[in-house]
């Protein structure tokens, strides 16, 4: 994706093809346009609630965030309105190939697409990129998985 095409996408809003541009370039161009950029680290997320917790951590949603898709939509819309020009999320290593996340990943992307429309209707921009990571590796026998908290 060329620099000018990326700038147009960030201004207009919508899903950015994570295969055609780097996370660093998106962050740089968003900053240049005055668009707030948040990377969402999803690598250890193995469920919808874990992905939403990753968004909460990245965006600093309020404590009362309900953790369901309706609350996700509401908080994203509020966050978009709170920004001067708009908001951009980069979902890093979303394991959409996991059976537990396959349908939920589609639902999360659908919510993001709804927020794109909301943002446009309210004079803001919302864009997002999803860097798909496939399926989590199967656990090794006798080795406990790393907890989501990282401890």
C-alpha atoms as a PDB file:
ATOM      1  CA  UNK A   1       0.000   0.000   0.000  1.00  0.00           C
ATOM      2  CA  UNK A   2       1.429   3.382  -0.940  1.00  0.00           C
ATOM      3  CA  UNK A   3       1.802   6.153   1.591  1.00  0.00           C
ATOM      4  CA  UNK A   4      -0.921   8.254  -0.042  1.00  0.00           C
ATOM      5  CA  UNK A   5      -3.314   5.276  -0.228  1.00  0.00           C
ATOM      6  CA  UNK A   6      -2.718   4.580   3.456  1.00  0.00           C
ATOM      7  CA  UNK A   7      -3.344   8.224   4.347  1.00  0.00           C
ATOM      8  CA  UNK A   8      -6.622   8.186   2.386  1.00  0.00           C
ATOM      9  CA  UNK A   9      -7.682   4.978   4.162  1.00  0.00           C
ATOM     10  CA  UNK A  10      -6.866   6.409   7.577  1.00  0.00           C
ATOM     11  CA  UNK A  11      -8.804   9.609   6.816  1.00  0.00           C
ATOM     12  CA  UNK A  12     -11.810   7.746   5.416  1.00  0.00           C
ATOM     13  CA  UNK A  13     -11.748   4.859   7.876  1.00  0.00           C
ATOM     14  CA  UNK A  14     -12.263   1.150   7.413  1.00  0.00           C
ATOM     15  CA  UNK A  15     -10.234  -2.015   7.519  1.00  0.00           C
ATOM     16  CA  UNK A  16      -6.593  -1.718   6.512  1.00  0.00           C
ATOM     17  CA  UNK A  17      -4.989  -4.724   4.844  1.00  0.00           C
ATOM     18  CA  UNK A  18      -2.345  -5.748   7.385  1.00  0.00           C
ATOM     19  CA  UNK A  19      -0.539  -7.781   4.728  1.00  0.00           C
ATOM     20  CA  UNK A  20       0.137  -4.740   2.562  1.00  0.00           C
ATOM     21  CA  UNK A  21       1.548  -2.351   5.171  1.00  0.00           C
ATOM     22  CA  UNK A  22       3.593  -2.543   8.346  1.00  0.00           C
ATOM     23  CA  UNK A  23       2.309  -1.752  11.792  1.00  0.00           C
ATOM     24  CA  UNK A  24       5.027   0.876  12.149  1.00  0.00           C
ATOM     25  CA  UNK A  25       3.966   2.642   8.944  1.00  0.00           C
ATOM     26  CA  UNK A  26       0.320   2.730  10.046  1.00  0.00           C
ATOM     27  CA  UNK A  27       1.347   4.182  13.421  1.00  0.00           C
ATOM     28  CA  UNK A  28       3.557   6.788  11.725  1.00  0.00           C
ATOM     29  CA  UNK A  29       0.900   7.884   9.213  1.00  0.00           C
ATOM     30  CA  UNK A  30      -1.848   7.951  11.849  1.00  0.00           C
ATOM     31  CA  UNK A  31       0.312  10.200  14.018  1.00  0.00           C
ATOM     32  CA  UNK A  32       1.016  12.499  11.055  1.00  0.00           C
ATOM     33  CA  UNK A  33      -2.736  12.852  10.492  1.00  0.00           C
ATOM     34  CA  UNK A  34      -3.558  13.459  14.155  1.00  0.00           C
ATOM     35  CA  UNK A  35      -5.312  10.096  14.427  1.00  0.00           C
ATOM     36  CA  UNK A  36      -4.859   8.275  17.715  1.00  0.00           C
ATOM     37  CA  UNK A  37      -3.243   4.878  17.216  1.00  0.00           C
ATOM     38  CA  UNK A  38      -3.488   1.923  19.585  1.00  0.00           C
ATOM     39  CA  UNK A  39      -1.747  -1.431  19.061  1.00  0.00           C
ATOM     40  CA  UNK A  40      -3.785  -4.293  20.546  1.00  0.00           C
ATOM     41  CA  UNK A  41      -1.625  -7.270  21.515  1.00  0.00           C
ATOM     42  CA  UNK A  42      -3.771 -10.380  20.979  1.00  0.00           C
ATOM     43  CA  UNK A  43      -1.066 -13.063  20.843  1.00  0.00           C
ATOM     44  CA  UNK A  44      -2.020 -14.806  24.083  1.00  0.00           C
ATOM     45  CA  UNK A  45      -5.775 -14.254  23.732  1.00  0.00           C
ATOM     46  CA  UNK A  46      -7.583 -17.579  23.427  1.00  0.00           C
ATOM     47  CA  UNK A  47     -11.173 -16.355  23.746  1.00  0.00           C
ATOM     48  CA  UNK A  48     -13.373 -13.411  22.820  1.00  0.00           C
ATOM     49  CA  UNK A  49     -13.204 -12.066  26.371  1.00  0.00           C
ATOM     50  CA  UNK A  50      -9.392 -12.255  26.269  1.00  0.00           C
ATOM     51  CA  UNK A  51      -9.308 -10.296  22.976  1.00  0.00           C
ATOM     52  CA  UNK A  52     -11.638  -7.701  24.472  1.00  0.00           C
ATOM     53  CA  UNK A  53      -9.417  -7.493  27.580  1.00  0.00           C
ATOM     54  CA  UNK A  54      -6.477  -6.825  25.239  1.00  0.00           C
ATOM     55  CA  UNK A  55      -8.435  -3.950  23.693  1.00  0.00           C
ATOM     56  CA  UNK A  56      -9.335  -2.646  27.163  1.00  0.00           C
ATOM     57  CA  UNK A  57      -5.656  -2.716  28.118  1.00  0.00           C
ATOM     58  CA  UNK A  58      -4.558  -0.948  24.912  1.00  0.00           C
ATOM     59  CA  UNK A  59      -7.268   1.702  24.776  1.00  0.00           C
ATOM     60  CA  UNK A  60      -7.739   2.157  28.536  1.00  0.00           C
ATOM     61  CA  UNK A  61     -11.492   1.677  28.513  1.00  0.00           C
ATOM     62  CA  UNK A  62     -13.345   2.537  31.715  1.00  0.00           C
ATOM     63  CA  UNK A  63     -13.589   0.007  34.538  1.00  0.00           C
ATOM     64  CA  UNK A  64     -17.294  -0.499  33.883  1.00  0.00           C
ATOM     65  CA  UNK A  65     -16.628  -2.021  30.442  1.00  0.00           C
ATOM     66  CA  UNK A  66     -19.009  -4.970  30.257  1.00  0.00           C
ATOM     67  CA  UNK A  67     -16.850  -7.249  28.133  1.00  0.00           C
ATOM     68  CA  UNK A  68     -19.528  -8.138  25.589  1.00  0.00           C
ATOM     69  CA  UNK A  69     -19.774  -7.011  21.970  1.00  0.00           C
ATOM     70  CA  UNK A  70     -22.415  -4.351  22.699  1.00  0.00           C
ATOM     71  CA  UNK A  71     -20.189  -2.801  25.362  1.00  0.00           C
ATOM     72  CA  UNK A  72     -17.231  -3.076  22.971  1.00  0.00           C
ATOM     73  CA  UNK A  73     -19.180  -1.126  20.331  1.00  0.00           C
ATOM     74  CA  UNK A  74     -20.294   1.520  22.833  1.00  0.00           C
ATOM     75  CA  UNK A  75     -16.796   2.047  24.257  1.00  0.00           C
ATOM     76  CA  UNK A  76     -15.213   2.201  20.799  1.00  0.00           C
ATOM     77  CA  UNK A  77     -17.791   4.780  19.676  1.00  0.00           C
ATOM     78  CA  UNK A  78     -17.186   6.875  22.801  1.00  0.00           C
ATOM     79  CA  UNK A  79     -13.425   6.624  22.299  1.00  0.00           C
ATOM     80  CA  UNK A  80     -13.703   7.664  18.648  1.00  0.00           C
ATOM     81  CA  UNK A  81     -15.754  10.728  19.591  1.00  0.00           C
ATOM     82  CA  UNK A  82     -13.214  11.642  22.283  1.00  0.00           C
ATOM     83  CA  UNK A  83     -10.456  11.887  19.640  1.00  0.00           C
ATOM     84  CA  UNK A  84      -9.768  15.042  17.678  1.00  0.00           C
ATOM     85  CA  UNK A  85      -9.589  13.361  14.251  1.00  0.00           C
ATOM     86  CA  UNK A  86     -10.127   9.676  14.767  1.00  0.00           C
ATOM     87  CA  UNK A  87      -8.867   6.377  16.014  1.00  0.00           C
ATOM     88  CA  UNK A  88      -6.922   3.469  14.566  1.00  0.00           C
ATOM     89  CA  UNK A  89      -6.544   0.006  16.136  1.00  0.00           C
ATOM     90  CA  UNK A  90      -4.023  -2.622  15.072  1.00  0.00           C
ATOM     91  CA  UNK A  91      -4.971  -6.122  16.260  1.00  0.00           C
ATOM     92  CA  UNK A  92      -1.556  -7.802  16.455  1.00  0.00           C
ATOM     93  CA  UNK A  93      -1.487 -11.608  16.202  1.00  0.00           C
ATOM     94  CA  UNK A  94      -5.212 -12.276  16.468  1.00  0.00           C
ATOM     95  CA  UNK A  95      -5.398 -16.069  16.421  1.00  0.00           C
ATOM     96  CA  UNK A  96      -8.502 -16.217  14.271  1.00  0.00           C
ATOM     97  CA  UNK A  97      -7.607 -19.782  13.255  1.00  0.00           C
ATOM     98  CA  UNK A  98      -8.297 -21.086  16.759  1.00  0.00           C
ATOM     99  CA  UNK A  99     -11.618 -22.907  16.933  1.00  0.00           C
ATOM    100  CA  UNK A 100     -12.523 -20.873  20.032  1.00  0.00           C
ATOM    101  CA  UNK A 101     -11.833 -17.574  18.229  1.00  0.00           C
ATOM    102  CA  UNK A 102     -12.872 -18.264  14.651  1.00  0.00           C
ATOM    103  CA  UNK A 103     -16.462 -16.986  14.927  1.00  0.00           C
ATOM    104  CA  UNK A 104     -15.648 -14.421  17.612  1.00  0.00           C
ATOM    105  CA  UNK A 105     -12.952 -12.878  15.398  1.00  0.00           C
ATOM    106  CA  UNK A 106     -15.557 -12.337  12.696  1.00  0.00           C
ATOM    107  CA  UNK A 107     -17.908 -10.767  15.252  1.00  0.00           C
ATOM    108  CA  UNK A 108     -15.184  -8.425  16.541  1.00  0.00           C
ATOM    109  CA  UNK A 109     -14.361  -7.349  12.980  1.00  0.00           C
ATOM    110  CA  UNK A 110     -18.078  -6.802  12.336  1.00  0.00           C
ATOM    111  CA  UNK A 111     -18.297  -4.514  15.371  1.00  0.00           C
ATOM    112  CA  UNK A 112     -15.268  -2.586  14.099  1.00  0.00           C
ATOM    113  CA  UNK A 113     -16.967  -2.181  10.703  1.00  0.00           C
ATOM    114  CA  UNK A 114     -20.058  -0.782  12.461  1.00  0.00           C
ATOM    115  CA  UNK A 115     -17.846   1.706  14.319  1.00  0.00           C
ATOM    116  CA  UNK A 116     -16.371   2.846  10.973  1.00  0.00           C
ATOM    117  CA  UNK A 117     -19.861   3.912   9.910  1.00  0.00           C
ATOM    118  CA  UNK A 118     -20.605   5.538  13.268  1.00  0.00           C
ATOM    119  CA  UNK A 119     -17.340   7.498  13.140  1.00  0.00           C
ATOM    120  CA  UNK A 120     -18.000   8.714   9.601  1.00  0.00           C
ATOM    121  CA  UNK A 121     -21.492   9.866  10.592  1.00  0.00           C
ATOM    122  CA  UNK A 122     -19.984  11.868  13.446  1.00  0.00           C
ATOM    123  CA  UNK A 123     -17.157  13.616  11.641  1.00  0.00           C
ATOM    124  CA  UNK A 124     -14.402  11.249  12.767  1.00  0.00           C
ATOM    125  CA  UNK A 125     -12.431   8.418  11.276  1.00  0.00           C
ATOM    126  CA  UNK A 126     -12.079   4.873  12.588  1.00  0.00           C
ATOM    127  CA  UNK A 127      -9.736   2.421  10.952  1.00  0.00           C
ATOM    128  CA  UNK A 128      -8.400  -0.919  12.032  1.00  0.00           C
ATOM    129  CA  UNK A 129      -6.069  -3.638  10.865  1.00  0.00           C
ATOM    130  CA  UNK A 130      -6.114  -7.288  11.817  1.00  0.00           C
ATOM    131  CA  UNK A 131      -2.847  -9.169  11.689  1.00  0.00           C
ATOM    132  CA  UNK A 132      -4.106 -12.757  11.651  1.00  0.00           C
ATOM    133  CA  UNK A 133      -1.857 -15.306  13.323  1.00  0.00           C
ATOM    134  CA  UNK A 134      -3.711 -18.530  12.565  1.00  0.00           C
ATOM    135  CA  UNK A 135      -4.064 -21.122  15.296  1.00  0.00           C
ATOM    136  CA  UNK A 136      -2.198 -21.118  18.607  1.00  0.00           C
ATOM    137  CA  UNK A 137       0.370 -23.912  18.764  1.00  0.00           C
ATOM    138  CA  UNK A 138      -0.813 -27.040  20.541  1.00  0.00           C
ATOM    139  CA  UNK A 139       0.423 -27.281  24.124  1.00  0.00           C
ATOM    140  CA  UNK A 140       3.482 -29.365  24.770  1.00  0.00           C
ATOM    141  CA  UNK A 141       2.921 -32.328  27.086  1.00  0.00           C
ATOM    142  CA  UNK A 142       4.069 -31.538  30.606  1.00  0.00           C
ATOM    143  CA  UNK A 143       4.518 -27.803  29.932  1.00  0.00           C
ATOM    144  CA  UNK A 144       1.943 -25.432  31.394  1.00  0.00           C
ATOM    145  CA  UNK A 145       0.753 -22.686  28.995  1.00  0.00           C
ATOM    146  CA  UNK A 146       1.787 -19.110  29.726  1.00  0.00           C
ATOM    147  CA  UNK A 147      -1.089 -17.361  31.508  1.00  0.00           C
ATOM    148  CA  UNK A 148      -2.715 -14.422  29.752  1.00  0.00           C
ATOM    149  CA  UNK A 149      -1.334 -12.059  32.383  1.00  0.00           C
ATOM    150  CA  UNK A 150       2.171 -13.045  31.336  1.00  0.00           C
ATOM    151  CA  UNK A 151       3.277 -14.103  34.821  1.00  0.00           C
END
